[in-house]
Amino acid sequence: KPLERCQLKNWKDYLEFEVAQGDAKRISVLFERCLIACALYEDFWLRYLRYLEEKVTDNTEIIRDVYERACTIHHKKKPSLHLHWAVYEEMQGNYDKAAILPRKATGEVSAEELEGLLGV
C-alpha cells in the first residue's frame, strides 16, 4: 500500500541524517529497513545504489544484489531501473547482461534467458 507523504519524508530525512553521520554499517542497515517499507518507491532504490557506488568499496556484488531485488521483485516493469542496472553492468564490462536488461523490463526477454545471464 502506498505510504503517506509524511512517512516518505521521514524516511528521506532519516536517511540523510545517517548518511551525514557517516557510519557505513548503520547506513546500510537503515537503507535495507527503508526498502522494506518503501519497496514500491524507485527513488529509494536509486538513492541506495548511488550511496553504494559512491561510498562503499568492494561493492560490486552488493550493488548487483540490490539491482536484482529492485528489478526482479519490486519493479519488474520499470524501464528506468533496468536501464540504470544496464549502465552499471556496462561499466563493469558485462556487455551481454547490459544488453538484455532493458529488454527484460519490456517483456522482450524470457525469465529463463535472464536467469542464465544472471547465473541464477
PDB file of N, CA and C in Angstrom:
ATOM      1  N   LYS A   1       0.857  -1.177   0.000  1.00  0.00           N
ATOM      2  CA  LYS A   1       0.000   0.000   0.000  1.00  0.00           C
ATOM      3  C   LYS A   1       0.897   1.232   0.000  1.00  0.00           C
ATOM      4  N   PRO A   2       0.489   2.259  -0.706  1.00  0.00           N
ATOM      5  CA  PRO A   2       1.302   3.484  -0.771  1.00  0.00           C
ATOM      6  C   PRO A   2       1.443   4.143   0.604  1.00  0.00           C
ATOM      7  N   LEU A   3       2.606   4.720   0.818  1.00  0.00           N
ATOM      8  CA  LEU A   3       2.857   5.439   2.067  1.00  0.00           C
ATOM      9  C   LEU A   3       2.386   6.883   1.942  1.00  0.00           C
ATOM     10  N   GLU A   4       2.108   7.479   3.069  1.00  0.00           N
ATOM     11  CA  GLU A   4       1.729   8.889   3.078  1.00  0.00           C
ATOM     12  C   GLU A   4       2.977   9.742   2.881  1.00  0.00           C
ATOM     13  N   ARG A   5       2.759  10.960   2.397  1.00  0.00           N
ATOM     14  CA  ARG A   5       3.885  11.868   2.143  1.00  0.00           C
ATOM     15  C   ARG A   5       4.758  12.072   3.368  1.00  0.00           C
ATOM     16  N   CYS A   6       4.131  12.214   4.524  1.00  0.00           N
ATOM     17  CA  CYS A   6       4.918  12.453   5.742  1.00  0.00           C
ATOM     18  C   CYS A   6       5.802  11.249   6.068  1.00  0.00           C
ATOM     19  N   GLN A   7       5.324  10.034   5.778  1.00  0.00           N
ATOM     20  CA  GLN A   7       6.140   8.842   6.011  1.00  0.00           C
ATOM     21  C   GLN A   7       7.341   8.814   5.070  1.00  0.00           C
ATOM     22  N   LEU A   8       7.106   9.151   3.814  1.00  0.00           N
ATOM     23  CA  LEU A   8       8.200   9.197   2.846  1.00  0.00           C
ATOM     24  C   LEU A   8       9.226  10.253   3.238  1.00  0.00           C
ATOM     25  N   LYS A   9       8.735  11.398   3.687  1.00  0.00           N
ATOM     26  CA  LYS A   9       9.638  12.470   4.116  1.00  0.00           C
ATOM     27  C   LYS A   9      10.453  12.033   5.330  1.00  0.00           C
ATOM     28  N   ASN A  10       9.813  11.343   6.271  1.00  0.00           N
ATOM     29  CA  ASN A  10      10.535  10.853   7.448  1.00  0.00           C
ATOM     30  C   ASN A  10      11.665   9.904   7.053  1.00  0.00           C
ATOM     31  N   TRP A  11      11.400   8.986   6.126  1.00  0.00           N
ATOM     32  CA  TRP A  11      12.444   8.079   5.665  1.00  0.00           C
ATOM     33  C   TRP A  11      13.568   8.859   4.990  1.00  0.00           C
ATOM     34  N   LYS A  12      13.197   9.795   4.147  1.00  0.00           N
ATOM     35  CA  LYS A  12      14.201  10.601   3.437  1.00  0.00           C
ATOM     36  C   LYS A  12      15.072  11.369   4.430  1.00  0.00           C
ATOM     37  N   ASP A  13      14.443  12.016   5.386  1.00  0.00           N
ATOM     38  CA  ASP A  13      15.186  12.794   6.382  1.00  0.00           C
ATOM     39  C   ASP A  13      16.086  11.898   7.237  1.00  0.00           C
ATOM     40  N   TYR A  14      15.569  10.752   7.632  1.00  0.00           N
ATOM     41  CA  TYR A  14      16.337   9.821   8.459  1.00  0.00           C
ATOM     42  C   TYR A  14      17.563   9.318   7.692  1.00  0.00           C
ATOM     43  N   LEU A  15      17.364   8.972   6.419  1.00  0.00           N
ATOM     44  CA  LEU A  15      18.485   8.524   5.594  1.00  0.00           C
ATOM     45  C   LEU A  15      19.529   9.623   5.444  1.00  0.00           C
ATOM     46  N   GLU A  16      19.075  10.838   5.181  1.00  0.00           N
ATOM     47  CA  GLU A  16      20.008  11.960   5.042  1.00  0.00           C
ATOM     48  C   GLU A  16      20.798  12.170   6.330  1.00  0.00           C
ATOM     49  N   PHE A  17      20.127  12.062   7.459  1.00  0.00           N
ATOM     50  CA  PHE A  17      20.793  12.218   8.751  1.00  0.00           C
ATOM     51  C   PHE A  17      21.882  11.159   8.931  1.00  0.00           C
ATOM     52  N   GLU A  18      21.532   9.903   8.695  1.00  0.00           N
ATOM     53  CA  GLU A  18      22.505   8.821   8.894  1.00  0.00           C
ATOM     54  C   GLU A  18      23.672   8.928   7.916  1.00  0.00           C
ATOM     55  N   VAL A  19      23.398   9.289   6.674  1.00  0.00           N
ATOM     56  CA  VAL A  19      24.481   9.454   5.699  1.00  0.00           C
ATOM     57  C   VAL A  19      25.419  10.565   6.156  1.00  0.00           C
ATOM     58  N   ALA A  20      24.863  11.637   6.682  1.00  0.00           N
ATOM     59  CA  ALA A  20      25.694  12.742   7.185  1.00  0.00           C
ATOM     60  C   ALA A  20      26.546  12.297   8.372  1.00  0.00           C
ATOM     61  N   GLN A  21      26.055  11.355   9.180  1.00  0.00           N
ATOM     62  CA  GLN A  21      26.819  10.853  10.323  1.00  0.00           C
ATOM     63  C   GLN A  21      27.999   9.996   9.866  1.00  0.00           C
ATOM     64  N   GLY A  22      27.829   9.292   8.739  1.00  0.00           N
ATOM     65  CA  GLY A  22      28.939   8.580   8.124  1.00  0.00           C
ATOM     66  C   GLY A  22      29.238   7.171   8.596  1.00  0.00           C
ATOM     67  N   ASP A  23      28.398   6.575   9.427  1.00  0.00           N
ATOM     68  CA  ASP A  23      28.630   5.202   9.888  1.00  0.00           C
ATOM     69  C   ASP A  23      28.081   4.231   8.831  1.00  0.00           C
ATOM     70  N   ALA A  24      28.983   3.643   8.043  1.00  0.00           N
ATOM     71  CA  ALA A  24      28.586   2.830   6.892  1.00  0.00           C
ATOM     72  C   ALA A  24      27.663   1.673   7.268  1.00  0.00           C
ATOM     73  N   LYS A  25      27.939   1.012   8.375  1.00  0.00           N
ATOM     74  CA  LYS A  25      27.099  -0.125   8.778  1.00  0.00           C
ATOM     75  C   LYS A  25      25.679   0.338   9.114  1.00  0.00           C
ATOM     76  N   ARG A  26      25.568   1.420   9.888  1.00  0.00           N
ATOM     77  CA  ARG A  26      24.235   1.950  10.235  1.00  0.00           C
ATOM     78  C   ARG A  26      23.489   2.403   8.982  1.00  0.00           C
ATOM     79  N   ILE A  27      24.210   3.006   8.059  1.00  0.00           N
ATOM     80  CA  ILE A  27      23.586   3.500   6.830  1.00  0.00           C
ATOM     81  C   ILE A  27      23.033   2.334   6.018  1.00  0.00           C
ATOM     82  N   SER A  28      23.826   1.288   5.839  1.00  0.00           N
ATOM     83  CA  SER A  28      23.361   0.130   5.068  1.00  0.00           C
ATOM     84  C   SER A  28      22.166  -0.544   5.727  1.00  0.00           C
ATOM     85  N   VAL A  29      22.220  -0.704   7.045  1.00  0.00           N
ATOM     86  CA  VAL A  29      21.094  -1.312   7.763  1.00  0.00           C
ATOM     87  C   VAL A  29      19.843  -0.458   7.601  1.00  0.00           C
ATOM     88  N   LEU A  30      20.000   0.853   7.697  1.00  0.00           N
ATOM     89  CA  LEU A  30      18.844   1.733   7.555  1.00  0.00           C
ATOM     90  C   LEU A  30      18.266   1.677   6.145  1.00  0.00           C
ATOM     91  N   PHE A  31      19.127   1.675   5.130  1.00  0.00           N
ATOM     92  CA  PHE A  31      18.619   1.555   3.761  1.00  0.00           C
ATOM     93  C   PHE A  31      17.846   0.253   3.590  1.00  0.00           C
ATOM     94  N   GLU A  32      18.368  -0.831   4.115  1.00  0.00           N
ATOM     95  CA  GLU A  32      17.663  -2.112   3.993  1.00  0.00           C
ATOM     96  C   GLU A  32      16.318  -2.065   4.716  1.00  0.00           C
ATOM     97  N   ARG A  33      16.270  -1.459   5.890  1.00  0.00           N
ATOM     98  CA  ARG A  33      14.990  -1.288   6.605  1.00  0.00           C
ATOM     99  C   ARG A  33      14.039  -0.429   5.783  1.00  0.00           C
ATOM    100  N   CYS A  34      14.567   0.648   5.244  1.00  0.00           N
ATOM    101  CA  CYS A  34      13.753   1.562   4.448  1.00  0.00           C
ATOM    102  C   CYS A  34      13.143   0.843   3.244  1.00  0.00           C
ATOM    103  N   LEU A  35      13.926   0.005   2.596  1.00  0.00           N
ATOM    104  CA  LEU A  35      13.436  -0.666   1.393  1.00  0.00           C
ATOM    105  C   LEU A  35      12.348  -1.687   1.687  1.00  0.00           C
ATOM    106  N   ILE A  36      12.223  -2.104   2.922  1.00  0.00           N
ATOM    107  CA  ILE A  36      11.094  -2.963   3.289  1.00  0.00           C
ATOM    108  C   ILE A  36       9.810  -2.140   3.225  1.00  0.00           C
ATOM    109  N   ALA A  37       9.837  -0.972   3.830  1.00  0.00           N
ATOM    110  CA  ALA A  37       8.648  -0.111   3.863  1.00  0.00           C
ATOM    111  C   ALA A  37       8.421   0.621   2.544  1.00  0.00           C
ATOM    112  N   CYS A  38       9.504   0.950   1.854  1.00  0.00           N
ATOM    113  CA  CYS A  38       9.419   1.816   0.667  1.00  0.00           C
ATOM    114  C   CYS A  38       9.789   1.076  -0.618  1.00  0.00           C
ATOM    115  N   ALA A  39       9.570  -0.219  -0.661  1.00  0.00           N
ATOM    116  CA  ALA A  39       9.984  -1.028  -1.807  1.00  0.00           C
ATOM    117  C   ALA A  39       9.348  -0.580  -3.119  1.00  0.00           C
ATOM    118  N   LEU A  40       8.187   0.019  -3.045  1.00  0.00           N
ATOM    119  CA  LEU A  40       7.491   0.433  -4.265  1.00  0.00           C
ATOM    120  C   LEU A  40       7.953   1.787  -4.796  1.00  0.00           C
ATOM    121  N   TYR A  41       8.889   2.409  -4.102  1.00  0.00           N
ATOM    122  CA  TYR A  41       9.345   3.749  -4.477  1.00  0.00           C
ATOM    123  C   TYR A  41      10.748   3.671  -5.070  1.00  0.00           C
ATOM    124  N   GLU A  42      10.788   3.818  -6.372  1.00  0.00           N
ATOM    125  CA  GLU A  42      12.028   3.710  -7.138  1.00  0.00           C
ATOM    126  C   GLU A  42      13.126   4.631  -6.608  1.00  0.00           C
ATOM    127  N   ASP A  43      12.748   5.801  -6.155  1.00  0.00           N
ATOM    128  CA  ASP A  43      13.722   6.783  -5.688  1.00  0.00           C
ATOM    129  C   ASP A  43      14.576   6.247  -4.546  1.00  0.00           C
ATOM    130  N   PHE A  44      14.003   5.478  -3.640  1.00  0.00           N
ATOM    131  CA  PHE A  44      14.766   4.943  -2.513  1.00  0.00           C
ATOM    132  C   PHE A  44      15.774   3.882  -2.971  1.00  0.00           C
ATOM    133  N   TRP A  45      15.391   3.078  -3.957  1.00  0.00           N
ATOM    134  CA  TRP A  45      16.329   2.105  -4.521  1.00  0.00           C
ATOM    135  C   TRP A  45      17.507   2.835  -5.159  1.00  0.00           C
ATOM    136  N   LEU A  46      17.193   3.855  -5.956  1.00  0.00           N
ATOM    137  CA  LEU A  46      18.254   4.595  -6.640  1.00  0.00           C
ATOM    138  C   LEU A  46      19.152   5.335  -5.653  1.00  0.00           C
ATOM    139  N   ARG A  47      18.573   5.864  -4.602  1.00  0.00           N
ATOM    140  CA  ARG A  47      19.352   6.556  -3.571  1.00  0.00           C
ATOM    141  C   ARG A  47      20.342   5.579  -2.915  1.00  0.00           C
ATOM    142  N   TYR A  48      19.874   4.381  -2.605  1.00  0.00           N
ATOM    143  CA  TYR A  48      20.743   3.368  -2.000  1.00  0.00           C
ATOM    144  C   TYR A  48      21.860   2.979  -2.973  1.00  0.00           C
ATOM    145  N   LEU A  49      21.500   2.772  -4.215  1.00  0.00           N
ATOM    146  CA  LEU A  49      22.500   2.396  -5.209  1.00  0.00           C
ATOM    147  C   LEU A  49      23.545   3.492  -5.399  1.00  0.00           C
ATOM    148  N   ARG A  50      23.116   4.743  -5.432  1.00  0.00           N
ATOM    149  CA  ARG A  50      24.074   5.857  -5.534  1.00  0.00           C
ATOM    150  C   ARG A  50      25.013   5.863  -4.331  1.00  0.00           C
ATOM    151  N   TYR A  51      24.444   5.673  -3.155  1.00  0.00           N
ATOM    152  CA  TYR A  51      25.272   5.627  -1.945  1.00  0.00           C
ATOM    153  C   TYR A  51      26.314   4.510  -2.062  1.00  0.00           C
ATOM    154  N   LEU A  52      25.877   3.317  -2.452  1.00  0.00           N
ATOM    155  CA  LEU A  52      26.799   2.190  -2.562  1.00  0.00           C
ATOM    156  C   LEU A  52      27.902   2.461  -3.582  1.00  0.00           C
ATOM    157  N   GLU A  53      27.531   3.039  -4.715  1.00  0.00           N
ATOM    158  CA  GLU A  53      28.517   3.316  -5.755  1.00  0.00           C
ATOM    159  C   GLU A  53      29.526   4.366  -5.311  1.00  0.00           C
ATOM    160  N   GLU A  54      29.077   5.355  -4.555  1.00  0.00           N
ATOM    161  CA  GLU A  54      29.951   6.463  -4.170  1.00  0.00           C
ATOM    162  C   GLU A  54      30.763   6.181  -2.913  1.00  0.00           C
ATOM    163  N   LYS A  55      30.211   5.466  -1.964  1.00  0.00           N
ATOM    164  CA  LYS A  55      30.809   5.399  -0.631  1.00  0.00           C
ATOM    165  C   LYS A  55      31.364   4.044  -0.214  1.00  0.00           C
ATOM    166  N   VAL A  56      30.916   2.974  -0.833  1.00  0.00           N
ATOM    167  CA  VAL A  56      31.290   1.643  -0.353  1.00  0.00           C
ATOM    168  C   VAL A  56      32.303   1.022  -1.312  1.00  0.00           C
ATOM    169  N   THR A  57      33.449   0.599  -0.775  1.00  0.00           N
ATOM    170  CA  THR A  57      34.444  -0.071  -1.606  1.00  0.00           C
ATOM    171  C   THR A  57      34.110  -1.556  -1.686  1.00  0.00           C
ATOM    172  N   ASP A  58      34.616  -2.200  -2.730  1.00  0.00           N
ATOM    173  CA  ASP A  58      34.365  -3.627  -2.947  1.00  0.00           C
ATOM    174  C   ASP A  58      32.863  -3.915  -2.884  1.00  0.00           C
ATOM    175  N   ASN A  59      32.119  -3.199  -3.709  1.00  0.00           N
ATOM    176  CA  ASN A  59      30.668  -3.191  -3.609  1.00  0.00           C
ATOM    177  C   ASN A  59      29.942  -3.858  -4.768  1.00  0.00           C
ATOM    178  N   THR A  60      30.648  -4.434  -5.713  1.00  0.00           N
ATOM    179  CA  THR A  60      30.023  -4.937  -6.935  1.00  0.00           C
ATOM    180  C   THR A  60      28.913  -5.938  -6.649  1.00  0.00           C
ATOM    181  N   GLU A  61      29.172  -6.914  -5.821  1.00  0.00           N
ATOM    182  CA  GLU A  61      28.148  -7.934  -5.546  1.00  0.00           C
ATOM    183  C   GLU A  61      26.977  -7.355  -4.758  1.00  0.00           C
ATOM    184  N   ILE A  62      27.253  -6.434  -3.864  1.00  0.00           N
ATOM    185  CA  ILE A  62      26.174  -5.788  -3.104  1.00  0.00           C
ATOM    186  C   ILE A  62      25.279  -5.005  -4.056  1.00  0.00           C
ATOM    187  N   ILE A  63      25.887  -4.247  -4.951  1.00  0.00           N
ATOM    188  CA  ILE A  63      25.115  -3.445  -5.906  1.00  0.00           C
ATOM    189  C   ILE A  63      24.288  -4.345  -6.803  1.00  0.00           C
ATOM    190  N   ARG A  64      24.880  -5.408  -7.294  1.00  0.00           N
ATOM    191  CA  ARG A  64      24.121  -6.333  -8.150  1.00  0.00           C
ATOM    192  C   ARG A  64      22.945  -6.945  -7.399  1.00  0.00           C
ATOM    193  N   ASP A  65      23.147  -7.270  -6.134  1.00  0.00           N
ATOM    194  CA  ASP A  65      22.061  -7.822  -5.324  1.00  0.00           C
ATOM    195  C   ASP A  65      20.920  -6.815  -5.181  1.00  0.00           C
ATOM    196  N   VAL A  66      21.254  -5.562  -4.944  1.00  0.00           N
ATOM    197  CA  VAL A  66      20.221  -4.530  -4.796  1.00  0.00           C
ATOM    198  C   VAL A  66      19.482  -4.341  -6.118  1.00  0.00           C
ATOM    199  N   TYR A  67      20.218  -4.257  -7.226  1.00  0.00           N
ATOM    200  CA  TYR A  67      19.562  -4.135  -8.534  1.00  0.00           C
ATOM    201  C   TYR A  67      18.662  -5.336  -8.800  1.00  0.00           C
ATOM    202  N   GLU A  68      19.155  -6.515  -8.505  1.00  0.00           N
ATOM    203  CA  GLU A  68      18.361  -7.713  -8.768  1.00  0.00           C
ATOM    204  C   GLU A  68      17.065  -7.707  -7.969  1.00  0.00           C
ATOM    205  N   ARG A  69      17.140  -7.355  -6.687  1.00  0.00           N
ATOM    206  CA  ARG A  69      15.915  -7.283  -5.877  1.00  0.00           C
ATOM    207  C   ARG A  69      14.966  -6.222  -6.420  1.00  0.00           C
ATOM    208  N   ALA A  70      15.514  -5.076  -6.769  1.00  0.00           N
ATOM    209  CA  ALA A  70      14.669  -3.987  -7.268  1.00  0.00           C
ATOM    210  C   ALA A  70      13.982  -4.377  -8.572  1.00  0.00           C
ATOM    211  N   CYS A  71      14.749  -4.964  -9.485  1.00  0.00           N
ATOM    212  CA  CYS A  71      14.243  -5.199 -10.839  1.00  0.00           C
ATOM    213  C   CYS A  71      13.519  -6.524 -11.031  1.00  0.00           C
ATOM    214  N   THR A  72      13.773  -7.506 -10.199  1.00  0.00           N
ATOM    215  CA  THR A  72      13.118  -8.799 -10.412  1.00  0.00           C
ATOM    216  C   THR A  72      12.008  -9.076  -9.412  1.00  0.00           C
ATOM    217  N   ILE A  73      11.936  -8.277  -8.350  1.00  0.00           N
ATOM    218  CA  ILE A  73      10.883  -8.494  -7.356  1.00  0.00           C
ATOM    219  C   ILE A  73       9.906  -7.320  -7.321  1.00  0.00           C
ATOM    220  N   HIS A  74      10.423  -6.122  -7.136  1.00  0.00           N
ATOM    221  CA  HIS A  74       9.560  -4.976  -6.859  1.00  0.00           C
ATOM    222  C   HIS A  74       9.222  -4.103  -8.067  1.00  0.00           C
ATOM    223  N   HIS A  75      10.114  -4.030  -9.032  1.00  0.00           N
ATOM    224  CA  HIS A  75       9.899  -3.129 -10.176  1.00  0.00           C
ATOM    225  C   HIS A  75      10.187  -3.861 -11.483  1.00  0.00           C
ATOM    226  N   LYS A  76       9.493  -4.942 -11.705  1.00  0.00           N
ATOM    227  CA  LYS A  76       9.743  -5.783 -12.875  1.00  0.00           C
ATOM    228  C   LYS A  76       9.548  -5.044 -14.193  1.00  0.00           C
ATOM    229  N   LYS A  77       8.651  -4.106 -14.226  1.00  0.00           N
ATOM    230  CA  LYS A  77       8.304  -3.424 -15.479  1.00  0.00           C
ATOM    231  C   LYS A  77       8.713  -1.953 -15.489  1.00  0.00           C
ATOM    232  N   LYS A  78       9.682  -1.578 -14.664  1.00  0.00           N
ATOM    233  CA  LYS A  78      10.151  -0.183 -14.622  1.00  0.00           C
ATOM    234  C   LYS A  78      11.403  -0.055 -15.481  1.00  0.00           C
ATOM    235  N   PRO A  79      11.259   0.439 -16.702  1.00  0.00           N
ATOM    236  CA  PRO A  79      12.427   0.528 -17.588  1.00  0.00           C
ATOM    237  C   PRO A  79      13.572   1.363 -17.024  1.00  0.00           C
ATOM    238  N   SER A  80      13.274   2.403 -16.269  1.00  0.00           N
ATOM    239  CA  SER A  80      14.358   3.269 -15.796  1.00  0.00           C
ATOM    240  C   SER A  80      15.313   2.526 -14.861  1.00  0.00           C
ATOM    241  N   LEU A  81      14.788   1.720 -13.952  1.00  0.00           N
ATOM    242  CA  LEU A  81      15.664   0.947 -13.063  1.00  0.00           C
ATOM    243  C   LEU A  81      16.477  -0.077 -13.845  1.00  0.00           C
ATOM    244  N   HIS A  82      15.846  -0.723 -14.809  1.00  0.00           N
ATOM    245  CA  HIS A  82      16.562  -1.689 -15.639  1.00  0.00           C
ATOM    246  C   HIS A  82      17.660  -0.996 -16.446  1.00  0.00           C
ATOM    247  N   LEU A  83      17.381   0.210 -16.917  1.00  0.00           N
ATOM    248  CA  LEU A  83      18.400   0.961 -17.660  1.00  0.00           C
ATOM    249  C   LEU A  83      19.568   1.341 -16.758  1.00  0.00           C
ATOM    250  N   HIS A  84      19.285   1.753 -15.541  1.00  0.00           N
ATOM    251  CA  HIS A  84      20.360   2.051 -14.586  1.00  0.00           C
ATOM    252  C   HIS A  84      21.229   0.805 -14.370  1.00  0.00           C
ATOM    253  N   TRP A  85      20.567  -0.335 -14.205  1.00  0.00           N
ATOM    254  CA  TRP A  85      21.299  -1.584 -13.999  1.00  0.00           C
ATOM    255  C   TRP A  85      22.145  -1.911 -15.228  1.00  0.00           C
ATOM    256  N   ALA A  86      21.560  -1.717 -16.419  1.00  0.00           N
ATOM    257  CA  ALA A  86      22.295  -1.990 -17.655  1.00  0.00           C
ATOM    258  C   ALA A  86      23.536  -1.107 -17.765  1.00  0.00           C
ATOM    259  N   VAL A  87      23.404   0.159 -17.424  1.00  0.00           N
ATOM    260  CA  VAL A  87      24.556   1.069 -17.456  1.00  0.00           C
ATOM    261  C   VAL A  87      25.621   0.593 -16.474  1.00  0.00           C
ATOM    262  N   TYR A  88      25.199   0.192 -15.289  1.00  0.00           N
ATOM    263  CA  TYR A  88      26.150  -0.308 -14.291  1.00  0.00           C
ATOM    264  C   TYR A  88      26.894  -1.531 -14.830  1.00  0.00           C
ATOM    265  N   GLU A  89      26.153  -2.476 -15.397  1.00  0.00           N
ATOM    266  CA  GLU A  89      26.790  -3.692 -15.917  1.00  0.00           C
ATOM    267  C   GLU A  89      27.729  -3.363 -17.072  1.00  0.00           C
ATOM    268  N   GLU A  90      27.344  -2.414 -17.890  1.00  0.00           N
ATOM    269  CA  GLU A  90      28.214  -1.989 -18.985  1.00  0.00           C
ATOM    270  C   GLU A  90      29.523  -1.417 -18.430  1.00  0.00           C
ATOM    271  N   MET A  91      29.428  -0.618 -17.379  1.00  0.00           N
ATOM    272  CA  MET A  91      30.631  -0.055 -16.755  1.00  0.00           C
ATOM    273  C   MET A  91      31.509  -1.154 -16.150  1.00  0.00           C
ATOM    274  N   GLN A  92      30.901  -2.276 -15.774  1.00  0.00           N
ATOM    275  CA  GLN A  92      31.652  -3.404 -15.220  1.00  0.00           C
ATOM    276  C   GLN A  92      32.193  -4.325 -16.314  1.00  0.00           C
ATOM    277  N   GLY A  93      31.859  -4.031 -17.576  1.00  0.00           N
ATOM    278  CA  GLY A  93      32.326  -4.853 -18.689  1.00  0.00           C
ATOM    279  C   GLY A  93      31.436  -6.037 -19.004  1.00  0.00           C
ATOM    280  N   ASN A  94      30.257  -6.112 -18.409  1.00  0.00           N
ATOM    281  CA  ASN A  94      29.311  -7.209 -18.663  1.00  0.00           C
ATOM    282  C   ASN A  94      28.328  -6.785 -19.753  1.00  0.00           C
ATOM    283  N   TYR A  95      28.817  -6.775 -20.990  1.00  0.00           N
ATOM    284  CA  TYR A  95      28.030  -6.237 -22.096  1.00  0.00           C
ATOM    285  C   TYR A  95      26.825  -7.103 -22.447  1.00  0.00           C
ATOM    286  N   ASP A  96      26.951  -8.423 -22.335  1.00  0.00           N
ATOM    287  CA  ASP A  96      25.810  -9.294 -22.641  1.00  0.00           C
ATOM    288  C   ASP A  96      24.656  -9.039 -21.676  1.00  0.00           C
ATOM    289  N   LYS A  97      24.974  -8.960 -20.398  1.00  0.00           N
ATOM    290  CA  LYS A  97      23.937  -8.689 -19.397  1.00  0.00           C
ATOM    291  C   LYS A  97      23.360  -7.293 -19.601  1.00  0.00           C
ATOM    292  N   ALA A  98      24.223  -6.325 -19.888  1.00  0.00           N
ATOM    293  CA  ALA A  98      23.766  -4.949 -20.097  1.00  0.00           C
ATOM    294  C   ALA A  98      22.800  -4.863 -21.271  1.00  0.00           C
ATOM    295  N   ALA A  99      23.028  -5.654 -22.299  1.00  0.00           N
ATOM    296  CA  ALA A  99      22.174  -5.607 -23.485  1.00  0.00           C
ATOM    297  C   ALA A  99      20.788  -6.187 -23.231  1.00  0.00           C
ATOM    298  N   ILE A 100      20.708  -7.158 -22.358  1.00  0.00           N
ATOM    299  CA  ILE A 100      19.435  -7.853 -22.156  1.00  0.00           C
ATOM    300  C   ILE A 100      18.545  -7.198 -21.098  1.00  0.00           C
ATOM    301  N   LEU A 101      19.117  -6.483 -20.163  1.00  0.00           N
ATOM    302  CA  LEU A 101      18.333  -5.944 -19.043  1.00  0.00           C
ATOM    303  C   LEU A 101      17.209  -4.996 -19.464  1.00  0.00           C
ATOM    304  N   PRO A 102      17.435  -4.035 -20.357  1.00  0.00           N
ATOM    305  CA  PRO A 102      16.307  -3.168 -20.744  1.00  0.00           C
ATOM    306  C   PRO A 102      15.185  -3.941 -21.436  1.00  0.00           C
ATOM    307  N   ARG A 103      15.541  -4.978 -22.187  1.00  0.00           N
ATOM    308  CA  ARG A 103      14.521  -5.793 -22.852  1.00  0.00           C
ATOM    309  C   ARG A 103      13.679  -6.555 -21.838  1.00  0.00           C
ATOM    310  N   LYS A 104      14.268  -6.901 -20.704  1.00  0.00           N
ATOM    311  CA  LYS A 104      13.521  -7.613 -19.661  1.00  0.00           C
ATOM    312  C   LYS A 104      12.381  -6.749 -19.131  1.00  0.00           C
ATOM    313  N   ALA A 105      12.624  -5.461 -18.991  1.00  0.00           N
ATOM    314  CA  ALA A 105      11.594  -4.558 -18.461  1.00  0.00           C
ATOM    315  C   ALA A 105      10.401  -4.446 -19.392  1.00  0.00           C
ATOM    316  N   THR A 106      10.632  -4.628 -20.676  1.00  0.00           N
ATOM    317  CA  THR A 106       9.536  -4.511 -21.635  1.00  0.00           C
ATOM    318  C   THR A 106       8.958  -5.872 -22.010  1.00  0.00           C
ATOM    319  N   GLY A 107       9.443  -6.922 -21.368  1.00  0.00           N
ATOM    320  CA  GLY A 107       8.901  -8.256 -21.605  1.00  0.00           C
ATOM    321  C   GLY A 107       9.417  -8.918 -22.863  1.00  0.00           C
ATOM    322  N   GLU A 108      10.485  -8.394 -23.451  1.00  0.00           N
ATOM    323  CA  GLU A 108      11.020  -8.960 -24.686  1.00  0.00           C
ATOM    324  C   GLU A 108      11.975 -10.121 -24.444  1.00  0.00           C
ATOM    325  N   VAL A 109      12.225 -10.434 -23.194  1.00  0.00           N
ATOM    326  CA  VAL A 109      13.188 -11.467 -22.841  1.00  0.00           C
ATOM    327  C   VAL A 109      12.524 -12.416 -21.858  1.00  0.00           C
ATOM    328  N   SER A 110      12.792 -13.686 -22.010  1.00  0.00           N
ATOM    329  CA  SER A 110      12.180 -14.652 -21.097  1.00  0.00           C
ATOM    330  C   SER A 110      12.909 -14.656 -19.762  1.00  0.00           C
ATOM    331  N   ALA A 111      12.216 -15.096 -18.744  1.00  0.00           N
ATOM    332  CA  ALA A 111      12.820 -15.187 -17.412  1.00  0.00           C
ATOM    333  C   ALA A 111      13.993 -16.166 -17.433  1.00  0.00           C
ATOM    334  N   GLU A 112      13.866 -17.240 -18.206  1.00  0.00           N
ATOM    335  CA  GLU A 112      14.937 -18.237 -18.284  1.00  0.00           C
ATOM    336  C   GLU A 112      16.192 -17.641 -18.913  1.00  0.00           C
ATOM    337  N   GLU A 113      16.005 -16.834 -19.951  1.00  0.00           N
ATOM    338  CA  GLU A 113      17.143 -16.195 -20.609  1.00  0.00           C
ATOM    339  C   GLU A 113      17.864 -15.259 -19.642  1.00  0.00           C
ATOM    340  N   LEU A 114      17.095 -14.484 -18.889  1.00  0.00           N
ATOM    341  CA  LEU A 114      17.696 -13.565 -17.924  1.00  0.00           C
ATOM    342  C   LEU A 114      18.379 -14.339 -16.799  1.00  0.00           C
ATOM    343  N   GLU A 115      17.742 -15.386 -16.306  1.00  0.00           N
ATOM    344  CA  GLU A 115      18.344 -16.187 -15.238  1.00  0.00           C
ATOM    345  C   GLU A 115      19.671 -16.783 -15.682  1.00  0.00           C
ATOM    346  N   GLY A 116      19.753 -17.179 -16.954  1.00  0.00           N
ATOM    347  CA  GLY A 116      21.011 -17.705 -17.479  1.00  0.00           C
ATOM    348  C   GLY A 116      22.120 -16.678 -17.422  1.00  0.00           C
ATOM    349  N   LEU A 117      21.801 -15.454 -17.767  1.00  0.00           N
ATOM    350  CA  LEU A 117      22.801 -14.387 -17.717  1.00  0.00           C
ATOM    351  C   LEU A 117      23.159 -14.012 -16.293  1.00  0.00           C
ATOM    352  N   LEU A 118      22.182 -14.065 -15.393  1.00  0.00           N
ATOM    353  CA  LEU A 118      22.437 -13.698 -14.005  1.00  0.00           C
ATOM    354  C   LEU A 118      23.131 -14.817 -13.243  1.00  0.00           C
ATOM    355  N   GLY A 119      23.130 -16.009 -13.830  1.00  0.00           N
ATOM    356  CA  GLY A 119      23.759 -17.130 -13.145  1.00  0.00           C
ATOM    357  C   GLY A 119      22.935 -17.668 -11.999  1.00  0.00           C
ATOM    358  N   VAL A 120      21.617 -17.524 -12.107  1.00  0.00           N
ATOM    359  CA  VAL A 120      20.723 -17.976 -11.032  1.00  0.00           C
ATOM    360  C   VAL A 120      20.347 -19.423 -11.253  1.00  0.00           C
TER     361      VAL A 120
END
